[in-house]
Amino acid sequence: MSDPLRRIDALVEEDALPTLQVRRQLRLAAGLTQAEVAGAIGVKRLAVARWEAGATQPHRGNRRAYAHLLRLLAAKHPEATIEGAPNEG
């Protein structure tokens, strides 16, 4: 299976998370801050910062919510799911 297909499969799985770079690109493409993402999920901003940096991984309930948010953002901003796409801000 090619890399793009694997990335798409990963975005569709219920609690699969895209790469660190794509997580950030999706948030930025949507014009969201880490604090806004954190508020939607019910965690502190620092948790989202750590998830984006790869320092920690979200626990099961938060992971499902975060993955769901990222899937919705990917549907709205498919260009942000491309590795190496330029980041804004």
Protein backbone atom coordinates (compact mmCIF):
# COMPACT_ATOMS: atom_id res chain seq x y z
CA MET A 1 0.00 0.00 0.00
CA SER A 2 1.39 3.45 -0.86
CA ASP A 3 2.20 6.06 1.79
CA PRO A 4 -0.78 8.32 0.93
CA LEU A 5 -3.15 5.39 1.35
CA ARG A 6 -1.65 4.52 4.73
CA ARG A 7 -2.05 8.12 5.89
CA ILE A 8 -5.67 8.12 4.75
CA ASP A 9 -6.34 4.81 6.52
CA ALA A 10 -4.77 6.22 9.69
CA LEU A 11 -7.03 9.27 9.56
CA VAL A 12 -10.11 7.08 9.25
CA GLU A 13 -9.39 4.74 12.15
CA GLU A 14 -11.31 5.76 15.25
CA ASP A 15 -8.40 6.64 17.51
CA ALA A 16 -5.49 6.74 15.07
CA LEU A 17 -3.57 9.98 15.03
CA PRO A 18 -1.76 11.51 12.08
CA THR A 19 1.91 12.43 12.31
CA LEU A 20 3.01 15.22 14.61
CA GLN A 21 3.54 17.58 11.68
CA VAL A 22 0.08 16.89 10.24
CA ARG A 23 -1.59 17.43 13.64
CA ARG A 24 -0.10 20.92 13.81
CA GLN A 25 -0.80 21.64 10.13
CA LEU A 26 -4.45 20.71 10.57
CA ARG A 27 -4.84 22.95 13.61
CA LEU A 28 -3.16 25.87 11.85
CA ALA A 29 -5.14 25.36 8.64
CA ALA A 30 -8.32 25.67 10.69
CA GLY A 31 -7.02 28.82 12.40
CA LEU A 32 -7.21 27.23 15.84
CA THR A 33 -4.93 27.79 18.79
CA GLN A 34 -3.72 25.01 21.03
CA ALA A 35 -5.91 26.52 23.76
CA GLU A 36 -9.00 26.26 21.54
CA VAL A 37 -8.27 22.62 20.73
CA ALA A 38 -7.65 21.92 24.40
CA GLY A 39 -10.93 23.57 25.39
CA ALA A 40 -12.88 21.52 22.86
CA ILE A 41 -11.35 18.27 24.14
CA GLY A 42 -11.44 19.23 27.82
CA VAL A 43 -7.71 19.29 28.58
CA LYS A 44 -5.13 21.96 29.28
CA ARG A 45 -3.30 23.74 26.47
CA LEU A 46 -0.04 22.17 27.62
CA ALA A 47 -1.46 18.71 26.89
CA VAL A 48 -2.13 19.67 23.25
CA ALA A 49 1.34 21.21 22.98
CA ARG A 50 2.86 17.95 24.25
CA TRP A 51 0.74 15.87 21.86
CA GLU A 52 1.86 18.00 18.92
CA ALA A 53 5.50 17.77 20.04
CA GLY A 54 5.32 14.02 20.55
CA ALA A 55 6.33 14.34 24.20
CA THR A 56 3.19 12.51 25.32
CA GLN A 57 0.21 10.73 23.79
CA PRO A 58 -3.41 11.38 24.74
CA HIS A 59 -5.10 8.77 26.90
CA ARG A 60 -7.97 6.69 25.46
CA GLY A 61 -10.94 9.08 25.89
CA ASN A 62 -8.94 12.15 24.97
CA ARG A 63 -7.30 10.27 22.11
CA ARG A 64 -10.68 9.42 20.59
CA ALA A 65 -11.85 13.04 20.89
CA TYR A 66 -8.57 14.40 19.48
CA ALA A 67 -8.61 11.89 16.60
CA HIS A 68 -12.23 12.82 15.84
CA LEU A 69 -11.37 16.53 15.76
CA LEU A 70 -8.38 15.88 13.49
CA ARG A 71 -10.51 13.78 11.10
CA LEU A 72 -13.03 16.61 10.84
CA LEU A 73 -10.26 19.13 10.21
CA ALA A 74 -8.70 16.83 7.59
CA ALA A 75 -12.03 16.67 5.77
CA LYS A 76 -12.20 20.47 5.69
CA HIS A 77 -8.49 21.02 4.99
CA PRO A 78 -7.17 18.03 3.03
CA GLU A 79 -4.14 20.01 1.88
CA ALA A 80 -2.95 20.10 5.49
CA THR A 81 -2.64 16.31 5.60
CA ILE A 82 0.31 16.36 3.21
CA GLU A 83 3.67 15.81 4.92
CA GLY A 84 5.98 18.75 4.36
CA ALA A 85 3.18 21.17 3.52
CA PRO A 86 4.09 24.72 4.55
CA ASN A 87 2.89 25.78 7.99
CA GLU A 88 1.27 29.11 8.69
CA GLY A 89 1.98 31.08 11.83
